[in-house]
C-alpha atoms as a PDB file:
ATOM      1  CA  MET A   1     187.734 -21.197 175.141  1.00  0.00           C
ATOM      2  CA  THR A   2     186.674 -18.989 178.020  1.00  0.00           C
ATOM      3  CA  TYR A   3     187.953 -15.511 178.793  1.00  0.00           C
ATOM      4  CA  LYS A   4     187.976 -13.851 182.198  1.00  0.00           C
ATOM      5  CA  GLU A   5     187.457 -10.086 182.172  1.00  0.00           C
ATOM      6  CA  ILE A   6     190.280  -8.338 184.027  1.00  0.00           C
ATOM      7  CA  VAL A   7     189.700  -4.621 183.537  1.00  0.00           C
ATOM      8  CA  ARG A   8     187.627  -2.328 181.336  1.00  0.00           C
ATOM      9  CA  LEU A   9     189.732  -0.164 179.030  1.00  0.00           C
ATOM     10  CA  GLY A  10     188.540   3.426 178.687  1.00  0.00           C
ATOM     11  CA  SER A  11     185.531   5.003 180.336  1.00  0.00           C
ATOM     12  CA  GLY A  12     182.147   3.919 179.021  1.00  0.00           C
ATOM     13  CA  ARG A  13     183.609   1.618 176.370  1.00  0.00           C
ATOM     14  CA  ASP A  14     182.785  -2.042 175.896  1.00  0.00           C
ATOM     15  CA  VAL A  15     186.441  -2.965 175.573  1.00  0.00           C
ATOM     16  CA  TRP A  16     188.030  -5.298 178.091  1.00  0.00           C
ATOM     17  CA  LEU A  17     191.412  -6.762 178.899  1.00  0.00           C
ATOM     18  CA  VAL A  18     190.736 -10.495 179.297  1.00  0.00           C
ATOM     19  CA  LEU A  19     192.651 -13.596 180.326  1.00  0.00           C
ATOM     20  CA  GLU A  20     192.267 -16.845 178.394  1.00  0.00           C
ATOM     21  CA  SER A  21     191.673 -19.570 180.961  1.00  0.00           C
ATOM     22  CA  GLU A  22     193.647 -22.414 179.345  1.00  0.00           C
ATOM     23  CA  THR A  23     196.823 -20.587 178.281  1.00  0.00           C
ATOM     24  CA  ASN A  24     196.740 -17.605 180.670  1.00  0.00           C
ATOM     25  CA  LYS A  25     197.410 -15.346 177.689  1.00  0.00           C
ATOM     26  CA  VAL A  26     196.055 -11.783 177.652  1.00  0.00           C
ATOM     27  CA  PHE A  27     193.718 -10.637 174.874  1.00  0.00           C
ATOM     28  CA  ILE A  28     191.414  -7.735 174.095  1.00  0.00           C
ATOM     29  CA  LYS A  29     187.654  -8.311 174.111  1.00  0.00           C
ATOM     30  CA  LYS A  30     185.363  -5.903 172.245  1.00  0.00           C
ATOM     31  CA  CYS A  31     181.575  -5.857 172.238  1.00  0.00           C
ATOM     32  CA  ARG A  32     180.017  -4.007 169.290  1.00  0.00           C
ATOM     33  CA  LYS A  33     176.309  -3.322 168.933  1.00  0.00           C
ATOM     34  CA  ASP A  34     176.763  -1.136 165.867  1.00  0.00           C
ATOM     35  CA  PHE A  35     178.968  -3.197 163.602  1.00  0.00           C
ATOM     36  CA  LYS A  36     179.689  -4.462 160.103  1.00  0.00           C
ATOM     37  CA  GLN A  37     180.374  -8.149 160.497  1.00  0.00           C
ATOM     38  CA  GLU A  38     181.727  -8.528 156.947  1.00  0.00           C
ATOM     39  CA  VAL A  39     184.505  -6.065 157.805  1.00  0.00           C
ATOM     40  CA  TYR A  40     185.670  -8.021 160.847  1.00  0.00           C
ATOM     41  CA  GLU A  41     185.370 -11.357 159.053  1.00  0.00           C
ATOM     42  CA  SER A  42     187.534 -10.026 156.220  1.00  0.00           C
ATOM     43  CA  ILE A  43     190.105  -8.577 158.644  1.00  0.00           C
ATOM     44  CA  SER A  44     190.262 -11.897 160.506  1.00  0.00           C
ATOM     45  CA  ARG A  45     191.704 -13.473 157.327  1.00  0.00           C
ATOM     46  CA  ILE A  46     194.526 -10.917 157.061  1.00  0.00           C
ATOM     47  CA  GLN A  47     197.959 -11.969 158.259  1.00  0.00           C
ATOM     48  CA  SER A  48     200.073  -8.863 158.741  1.00  0.00           C
ATOM     49  CA  PRO A  49     202.327  -7.578 161.537  1.00  0.00           C
ATOM     50  CA  HIS A  50     200.489  -4.239 161.227  1.00  0.00           C
ATOM     51  CA  ILE A  51     196.913  -5.531 161.658  1.00  0.00           C
ATOM     52  CA  PRO A  52     195.867  -6.837 165.101  1.00  0.00           C
ATOM     53  CA  ARG A  53     195.113 -10.550 164.818  1.00  0.00           C
ATOM     54  CA  ILE A  54     191.441 -11.364 165.373  1.00  0.00           C
ATOM     55  CA  CYS A  55     191.272 -14.698 167.190  1.00  0.00           C
ATOM     56  CA  HIS A  56     187.510 -15.016 167.536  1.00  0.00           C
ATOM     57  CA  CYS A  57     184.519 -13.196 166.095  1.00  0.00           C
ATOM     58  CA  GLN A  58     180.925 -14.171 166.914  1.00  0.00           C
ATOM     59  CA  GLN A  59     177.538 -12.502 166.712  1.00  0.00           C
ATOM     60  CA  LYS A  60     175.049 -13.173 169.486  1.00  0.00           C
ATOM     61  CA  GLU A  61     171.733 -11.451 170.189  1.00  0.00           C
ATOM     62  CA  GLY A  62     172.577  -8.364 168.136  1.00  0.00           C
ATOM     63  CA  THR A  63     176.081  -7.933 169.573  1.00  0.00           C
ATOM     64  CA  LEU A  64     179.358  -8.790 167.894  1.00  0.00           C
ATOM     65  CA  TYR A  65     181.961 -10.227 170.274  1.00  0.00           C
ATOM     66  CA  ILE A  66     185.558  -9.901 169.120  1.00  0.00           C
ATOM     67  CA  ILE A  67     188.680 -11.364 170.705  1.00  0.00           C
ATOM     68  CA  GLU A  68     191.907  -9.940 169.320  1.00  0.00           C
ATOM     69  CA  GLU A  69     195.577  -9.891 170.232  1.00  0.00           C
ATOM     70  CA  TYR A  70     196.783  -7.635 173.013  1.00  0.00           C
ATOM     71  CA  ILE A  71     199.373  -5.065 171.929  1.00  0.00           C
ATOM     72  CA  ALA A  72     201.801  -3.653 174.455  1.00  0.00           C
ATOM     73  CA  GLY A  73     202.753  -0.149 173.423  1.00  0.00           C
ATOM     74  CA  GLU A  74     201.560   3.428 172.963  1.00  0.00           C
ATOM     75  CA  THR A  75     199.409   5.202 170.418  1.00  0.00           C
ATOM     76  CA  LEU A  76     200.837   8.135 168.494  1.00  0.00           C
ATOM     77  CA  LEU A  77     198.429  10.369 170.414  1.00  0.00           C
ATOM     78  CA  GLU A  78     199.759   9.161 173.767  1.00  0.00           C
ATOM     79  CA  LYS A  79     203.337   9.719 172.662  1.00  0.00           C
ATOM     80  CA  MET A  80     202.564  13.258 171.480  1.00  0.00           C
ATOM     81  CA  GLU A  81     200.632  14.062 174.665  1.00  0.00           C
ATOM     82  CA  HIS A  82     203.706  12.979 176.624  1.00  0.00           C
ATOM     83  CA  GLY A  83     205.720  15.587 174.748  1.00  0.00           C
ATOM     84  CA  TYR A  84     207.418  13.298 172.236  1.00  0.00           C
ATOM     85  CA  VAL A  85     208.566  15.086 169.075  1.00  0.00           C
ATOM     86  CA  PHE A  86     208.902  12.990 165.914  1.00  0.00           C
ATOM     87  CA  SER A  87     211.820  13.639 163.601  1.00  0.00           C
ATOM     88  CA  GLU A  88     211.313  13.687 159.824  1.00  0.00           C
ATOM     89  CA  LYS A  89     212.997  10.299 159.497  1.00  0.00           C
ATOM     90  CA  GLU A  90     210.856   8.750 162.254  1.00  0.00           C
ATOM     91  CA  THR A  91     207.721  10.197 160.677  1.00  0.00           C
ATOM     92  CA  MET A  92     208.578   8.740 157.279  1.00  0.00           C
ATOM     93  CA  GLU A  93     209.417   5.317 158.729  1.00  0.00           C
ATOM     94  CA  ILE A  94     206.134   5.228 160.657  1.00  0.00           C
ATOM     95  CA  MET A  95     204.161   6.351 157.610  1.00  0.00           C
ATOM     96  CA  VAL A  96     205.759   3.614 155.480  1.00  0.00           C
ATOM     97  CA  GLN A  97     204.476   1.083 158.021  1.00  0.00           C
ATOM     98  CA  LEU A  98     201.040   2.733 157.946  1.00  0.00           C
ATOM     99  CA  CYS A  99     201.047   2.405 154.148  1.00  0.00           C
ATOM    100  CA  GLU A 100     201.815  -1.304 154.532  1.00  0.00           C
ATOM    101  CA  ALA A 101     198.931  -1.682 156.988  1.00  0.00           C
ATOM    102  CA  LEU A 102     196.499   0.119 154.695  1.00  0.00           C
ATOM    103  CA  GLU A 103     197.677  -1.855 151.665  1.00  0.00           C
ATOM    104  CA  CYS A 104     196.475  -5.020 153.416  1.00  0.00           C
ATOM    105  CA  LEU A 105     192.999  -3.485 153.646  1.00  0.00           C
ATOM    106  CA  HIS A 106     192.848  -1.728 150.289  1.00  0.00           C
ATOM    107  CA  ILE A 107     194.010  -4.614 148.066  1.00  0.00           C
ATOM    108  CA  ARG A 108     191.291  -7.012 149.247  1.00  0.00           C
ATOM    109  CA  PHE A 109     188.926  -8.292 146.537  1.00  0.00           C
ATOM    110  CA  THR A 110     186.410  -6.008 148.250  1.00  0.00           C
ATOM    111  CA  PRO A 111     188.572  -3.136 149.585  1.00  0.00           C
ATOM    112  CA  ILE A 112     188.169  -2.159 153.236  1.00  0.00           C
ATOM    113  CA  ILE A 113     188.242   1.576 153.941  1.00  0.00           C
ATOM    114  CA  HIS A 114     189.288   2.339 157.527  1.00  0.00           C
ATOM    115  CA  ARG A 115     187.711   5.836 157.576  1.00  0.00           C
ATOM    116  CA  ASP A 116     189.137   6.787 160.974  1.00  0.00           C
ATOM    117  CA  ILE A 117     192.887   7.161 160.577  1.00  0.00           C
ATOM    118  CA  LYS A 118     194.086   9.340 163.471  1.00  0.00           C
ATOM    119  CA  PRO A 119     196.885   9.298 166.094  1.00  0.00           C
ATOM    120  CA  SER A 120     194.761   7.476 168.696  1.00  0.00           C
ATOM    121  CA  ASN A 121     194.149   4.605 166.251  1.00  0.00           C
ATOM    122  CA  ILE A 122     197.813   4.116 165.363  1.00  0.00           C
ATOM    123  CA  MET A 123     199.851   2.165 167.910  1.00  0.00           C
ATOM    124  CA  LEU A 124     203.568   1.574 168.146  1.00  0.00           C
ATOM    125  CA  SER A 125     204.271  -1.681 169.942  1.00  0.00           C
ATOM    126  CA  ASN A 126     207.136  -1.938 172.396  1.00  0.00           C
ATOM    127  CA  ASP A 127     209.241  -3.548 169.657  1.00  0.00           C
ATOM    128  CA  GLY A 128     208.596  -0.661 167.244  1.00  0.00           C
ATOM    129  CA  ILE A 129     205.963  -2.288 165.020  1.00  0.00           C
ATOM    130  CA  LEU A 130     203.052  -0.107 163.894  1.00  0.00           C
ATOM    131  CA  LYS A 131     199.568  -1.492 164.540  1.00  0.00           C
ATOM    132  CA  LEU A 132     196.468   0.020 162.959  1.00  0.00           C
ATOM    133  CA  ILE A 133     193.580  -0.433 165.391  1.00  0.00           C
ATOM    134  CA  ASP A 134     189.840   0.292 165.827  1.00  0.00           C
ATOM    135  CA  TYR A 135     187.779  -0.761 162.806  1.00  0.00           C
ATOM    136  CA  ASN A 136     184.415   0.366 164.118  1.00  0.00           C
ATOM    137  CA  ALA A 137     184.082   3.016 161.380  1.00  0.00           C
ATOM    138  CA  ALA A 138     185.481   0.782 158.625  1.00  0.00           C
ATOM    139  CA  ARG A 139     183.367  -0.228 155.654  1.00  0.00           C
ATOM    140  CA  CYS A 140     183.670  -2.364 152.543  1.00  0.00           C
ATOM    141  CA  TYR A 141     183.849  -0.419 149.296  1.00  0.00           C
ATOM    142  CA  GLU A 142     180.717  -0.822 147.162  1.00  0.00           C
ATOM    143  CA  LYS A 143     181.289  -0.653 143.433  1.00  0.00           C
ATOM    144  CA  GLY A 144     178.821   1.703 141.791  1.00  0.00           C
ATOM    145  CA  ALA A 145     177.663   3.425 145.000  1.00  0.00           C
ATOM    146  CA  THR A 146     177.559   7.227 144.899  1.00  0.00           C
ATOM    147  CA  LYS A 147     177.964   7.887 148.631  1.00  0.00           C
ATOM    148  CA  ASP A 148     178.228   6.179 152.011  1.00  0.00           C
ATOM    149  CA  THR A 149     175.084   5.148 153.863  1.00  0.00           C
ATOM    150  CA  GLU A 150     176.669   6.314 157.129  1.00  0.00           C
ATOM    151  CA  HIS A 151     178.805   9.390 157.679  1.00  0.00           C
ATOM    152  CA  MET A 152     181.571   8.382 160.068  1.00  0.00           C
ATOM    153  CA  GLY A 153     185.014   9.673 160.921  1.00  0.00           C
ATOM    154  CA  THR A 154     186.723  12.167 163.195  1.00  0.00           C
ATOM    155  CA  GLN A 155     186.486  15.893 162.547  1.00  0.00           C
ATOM    156  CA  GLY A 156     189.807  17.313 161.442  1.00  0.00           C
ATOM    157  CA  TYR A 157     190.936  13.986 159.994  1.00  0.00           C
ATOM    158  CA  ALA A 158     187.887  13.046 157.921  1.00  0.00           C
ATOM    159  CA  ALA A 159     188.067  13.740 154.185  1.00  0.00           C
ATOM    160  CA  PRO A 160     185.365  15.936 152.568  1.00  0.00           C
ATOM    161  CA  GLU A 161     183.645  12.920 150.980  1.00  0.00           C
ATOM    162  CA  GLN A 162     182.961  11.504 154.452  1.00  0.00           C
ATOM    163  CA  TYR A 163     180.390  14.248 154.930  1.00  0.00           C
ATOM    164  CA  GLY A 164     178.167  12.852 152.197  1.00  0.00           C
ATOM    165  CA  PHE A 165     179.639  14.375 149.027  1.00  0.00           C
ATOM    166  CA  SER A 166     180.618  11.016 147.503  1.00  0.00           C
ATOM    167  CA  GLN A 167     181.492   7.441 148.394  1.00  0.00           C
ATOM    168  CA  THR A 168     184.649   6.954 150.444  1.00  0.00           C
ATOM    169  CA  ASP A 169     187.466   4.929 148.861  1.00  0.00           C
ATOM    170  CA  VAL A 170     191.174   4.286 149.381  1.00  0.00           C
ATOM    171  CA  ARG A 171     191.918   7.996 148.822  1.00  0.00           C
ATOM    172  CA  THR A 172     189.830   8.809 151.916  1.00  0.00           C
ATOM    173  CA  ASP A 173     192.377   7.037 154.123  1.00  0.00           C
ATOM    174  CA  ILE A 174     195.196   8.795 152.230  1.00  0.00           C
ATOM    175  CA  TYR A 175     193.675  12.178 153.157  1.00  0.00           C
ATOM    176  CA  ALA A 176     193.663  11.306 156.871  1.00  0.00           C
ATOM    177  CA  MET A 177     197.189   9.915 156.626  1.00  0.00           C
ATOM    178  CA  GLY A 178     198.374  13.294 155.344  1.00  0.00           C
ATOM    179  CA  VAL A 179     196.742  15.056 158.308  1.00  0.00           C
ATOM    180  CA  VAL A 180     198.364  12.624 160.773  1.00  0.00           C
ATOM    181  CA  MET A 181     201.756  13.152 159.131  1.00  0.00           C
ATOM    182  CA  ASN A 182     201.401  16.913 159.502  1.00  0.00           C
ATOM    183  CA  TYR A 183     200.517  16.619 163.209  1.00  0.00           C
ATOM    184  CA  MET A 184     203.587  14.452 163.781  1.00  0.00           C
ATOM    185  CA  LEU A 185     205.849  17.033 162.152  1.00  0.00           C
ATOM    186  CA  VAL A 186     204.465  20.400 163.321  1.00  0.00           C
ATOM    187  CA  GLY A 187     201.855  19.513 165.954  1.00  0.00           C
ATOM    188  CA  ARG A 188     199.083  21.363 164.107  1.00  0.00           C
ATOM    189  CA  PRO A 189     196.411  20.641 161.477  1.00  0.00           C
ATOM    190  CA  PRO A 190     197.426  21.487 157.889  1.00  0.00           C
ATOM    191  CA  GLY A 191     194.872  24.325 157.847  1.00  0.00           C
ATOM    192  CA  GLU A 192     196.899  26.167 160.495  1.00  0.00           C
ATOM    193  CA  GLU A 193     200.419  25.213 159.450  1.00  0.00           C
ATOM    194  CA  THR A 194     201.693  22.769 156.854  1.00  0.00           C
ATOM    195  CA  ALA A 195     205.054  21.068 157.108  1.00  0.00           C
ATOM    196  CA  SER A 196     207.714  22.375 154.744  1.00  0.00           C
ATOM    197  CA  GLY A 197     210.075  20.659 152.361  1.00  0.00           C
ATOM    198  CA  ALA A 198     209.592  17.364 150.544  1.00  0.00           C
ATOM    199  CA  LEU A 199     207.304  15.954 153.251  1.00  0.00           C
ATOM    200  CA  GLY A 200     205.147  19.060 153.069  1.00  0.00           C
ATOM    201  CA  LYS A 201     204.744  18.448 149.333  1.00  0.00           C
ATOM    202  CA  ILE A 202     203.558  14.886 150.001  1.00  0.00           C
ATOM    203  CA  ILE A 203     201.151  16.090 152.681  1.00  0.00           C
ATOM    204  CA  ARG A 204     199.643  18.751 150.432  1.00  0.00           C
ATOM    205  CA  LYS A 205     198.938  16.158 147.754  1.00  0.00           C
ATOM    206  CA  CYS A 206     197.408  13.767 150.309  1.00  0.00           C
ATOM    207  CA  ILE A 207     194.948  16.385 151.609  1.00  0.00           C
ATOM    208  CA  GLN A 208     193.634  17.758 148.337  1.00  0.00           C
ATOM    209  CA  MET A 209     189.896  18.464 148.585  1.00  0.00           C
ATOM    210  CA  ASP A 210     189.305  16.740 145.252  1.00  0.00           C
ATOM    211  CA  PRO A 211     190.079  12.995 145.636  1.00  0.00           C
ATOM    212  CA  ASP A 212     191.202  12.842 141.999  1.00  0.00           C
ATOM    213  CA  LYS A 213     194.091  15.182 142.856  1.00  0.00           C
ATOM    214  CA  ARG A 214     195.367  12.992 145.708  1.00  0.00           C
ATOM    215  CA  TYR A 215     197.611   9.943 145.398  1.00  0.00           C
ATOM    216  CA  ASP A 216     195.599   7.110 143.879  1.00  0.00           C
ATOM    217  CA  SER A 217     196.991   4.466 146.244  1.00  0.00           C
ATOM    218  CA  VAL A 218     198.971   4.144 149.468  1.00  0.00           C
ATOM    219  CA  GLY A 219     201.562   2.313 147.379  1.00  0.00           C
ATOM    220  CA  SER A 220     202.270   5.601 145.586  1.00  0.00           C
ATOM    221  CA  VAL A 221     202.689   7.395 148.920  1.00  0.00           C
ATOM    222  CA  LYS A 222     204.972   4.631 150.172  1.00  0.00           C
ATOM    223  CA  LEU A 223     207.123   4.910 147.046  1.00  0.00           C
ATOM    224  CA  GLU A 224     207.622   8.658 147.619  1.00  0.00           C
ATOM    225  CA  LEU A 225     208.511   8.124 151.281  1.00  0.00           C
ATOM    226  CA  GLU A 226     210.962   5.322 150.525  1.00  0.00           C
ATOM    227  CA  ARG A 227     212.703   7.478 147.967  1.00  0.00           C
ATOM    228  CA  LEU A 228     213.152  10.193 150.586  1.00  0.00           C
ATOM    229  CA  LEU A 229     214.491   7.595 153.013  1.00  0.00           C
ATOM    230  CA  GLY A 230     216.977   6.457 150.387  1.00  0.00           C
ATOM    231  CA  ARG A 231     215.503   2.974 150.149  1.00  0.00           C
ATOM    232  CA  ARG A 232     214.818   3.431 146.450  1.00  0.00           C
ATOM    233  CA  GLU A 233     217.390   4.955 144.107  1.00  0.00           C
ATOM    234  CA  GLU A 234     216.353   7.786 141.829  1.00  0.00           C
ATOM    235  CA  GLU A 235     216.756   6.396 138.338  1.00  0.00           C
ATOM    236  CA  ALA A 236     217.561   8.302 135.167  1.00  0.00           C
ATOM    237  CA  TYR A 237     214.741   6.428 133.457  1.00  0.00           C
ATOM    238  CA  PRO A 238     212.285   5.668 136.274  1.00  0.00           C
ATOM    239  CA  SER A 239     209.600   4.331 133.919  1.00  0.00           C
ATOM    240  CA  LEU A 240     211.881   1.375 133.096  1.00  0.00           C
ATOM    241  CA  TRP A 241     211.797   0.212 136.695  1.00  0.00           C
ATOM    242  CA  LEU A 242     208.023   0.022 136.663  1.00  0.00           C
ATOM    243  CA  LEU A 243     208.302  -3.078 134.458  1.00  0.00           C
ATOM    244  CA  PRO A 244     207.516  -6.401 136.210  1.00  0.00           C
ATOM    245  CA  GLY A 245     210.550  -7.698 138.060  1.00  0.00           C
ATOM    246  CA  PHE A 246     212.384  -4.377 138.421  1.00  0.00           C
ATOM    247  CA  CYS A 247     210.323  -3.446 141.503  1.00  0.00           C
ATOM    248  CA  ARG A 248     212.254  -6.002 143.545  1.00  0.00           C
ATOM    249  CA  ARG A 249     214.740  -4.556 146.000  1.00  0.00           C
ATOM    250  CA  LYS A 250     217.564  -7.111 145.688  1.00  0.00           C
ATOM    251  CA  LYS A 251     220.056  -6.150 142.975  1.00  0.00           C
ATOM    252  CA  TRP A 252     220.700  -9.722 141.865  1.00  0.00           C
ATOM    253  CA  LYS A 253     216.984 -10.179 141.179  1.00  0.00           C
ATOM    254  CA  LYS A 254     216.977  -7.023 139.072  1.00  0.00           C
ATOM    255  CA  LEU A 255     220.016  -8.363 137.190  1.00  0.00           C
ATOM    256  CA  VAL A 256     218.258 -11.667 136.467  1.00  0.00           C
ATOM    257  CA  THR A 257     215.181  -9.738 135.319  1.00  0.00           C
ATOM    258  CA  ALA A 258     217.291  -7.559 133.004  1.00  0.00           C
ATOM    259  CA  LEU A 259     218.940 -10.680 131.532  1.00  0.00           C
ATOM    260  CA  GLY A 260     215.524 -12.206 130.960  1.00  0.00           C
ATOM    261  CA  TYR A 261     214.296  -9.122 129.112  1.00  0.00           C
ATOM    262  CA  CYS A 262     217.478  -9.082 126.976  1.00  0.00           C
ATOM    263  CA  LEU A 263     216.964 -12.733 125.998  1.00  0.00           C
ATOM    264  CA  MET A 264     213.334 -12.005 125.190  1.00  0.00           C
ATOM    265  CA  VAL A 265     214.284  -9.061 122.941  1.00  0.00           C
ATOM    266  CA  LEU A 266     216.997 -11.178 121.269  1.00  0.00           C
ATOM    267  CA  GLY A 267     214.455 -13.940 120.640  1.00  0.00           C
ATOM    268  CA  VAL A 268     211.987 -11.536 119.060  1.00  0.00           C
ATOM    269  CA  TRP A 269     214.761 -10.089 116.900  1.00  0.00           C
ATOM    270  CA  LYS A 270     215.749 -13.562 115.682  1.00  0.00           C
ATOM    271  CA  ILE A 271     212.139 -14.341 114.813  1.00  0.00           C
ATOM    272  CA  ILE A 272     211.950 -11.122 112.780  1.00  0.00           C
ATOM    273  CA  GLU A 273     215.199 -12.019 110.997  1.00  0.00           C
ATOM    274  CA  LEU A 274     213.922 -15.513 110.166  1.00  0.00           C
ATOM    275  CA  GLY A 275     210.709 -13.991 108.893  1.00  0.00           C
ATOM    276  CA  GLN A 276     212.630 -11.650 106.608  1.00  0.00           C
ATOM    277  CA  VAL A 277     214.780 -14.499 105.268  1.00  0.00           C
ATOM    278  CA  TRP A 278     211.731 -16.668 104.670  1.00  0.00           C
ATOM    279  CA  GLY A 279     210.013 -13.792 102.834  1.00  0.00           C
ATOM    280  CA  TYR A 280     213.123 -13.229 100.669  1.00  0.00           C
ATOM    281  CA  TRP A 281     213.367 -16.869  99.494  1.00  0.00           C
ATOM    282  CA  ARG A 282     209.683 -16.965  98.757  1.00  0.00           C
END
């Protein structure tokens, strides 16, 4: 396939809007001289509405050429610069989508850490779907490493460990997500003003200086947000619903799961009874 360059996007950036000659479809072309090919190859295997689809990825003469889907929409930064104010509900719904995007990266066999979560790298397509873009700072997590070989990220959004204190991991992206959430709610960094209420509590946990005091996964953040949105009921015995099968949203599936557990308990009880009877007659 051949792609005709239409227009350069951004000043001084090797990012182009291109037209595919056979189908006349529009794509984005990126040329990276400083790149991690394993990151892009791993992302190209992800199928998610929140991750831009990579159609082609090839290295040639020290440059990585990437063709990915074109997304019509605005970044969070563009929306905020245009004066848009996000409500609490909108913020939570967008953050749930961001959690889903990051889950796709973090649950890989070798987790991918984005390391540059910020409003300009989060797009909302015209149909309201969040897209997490720009993986130039992303890296694959290295088990056993004590710190990153490169210190990358954006000041104000980068977690402390990105400055060389330790290796970045999934909690690094959670830190930046908390900062983004705060900007959406109050328009300021958490150091100047932190959002109040239940969302403020989530943000404060996300941006803890010590990674061990943050949420341990974006799934945990998503769970908190969905509870606030009313998508998950507060249960009297929440630990019960952590059992396999109870995490499903449809009530009939939970009912089938509960029936299955009851039958399993009844079966175990019968086995114990038979064992007692057998022991008595012996």
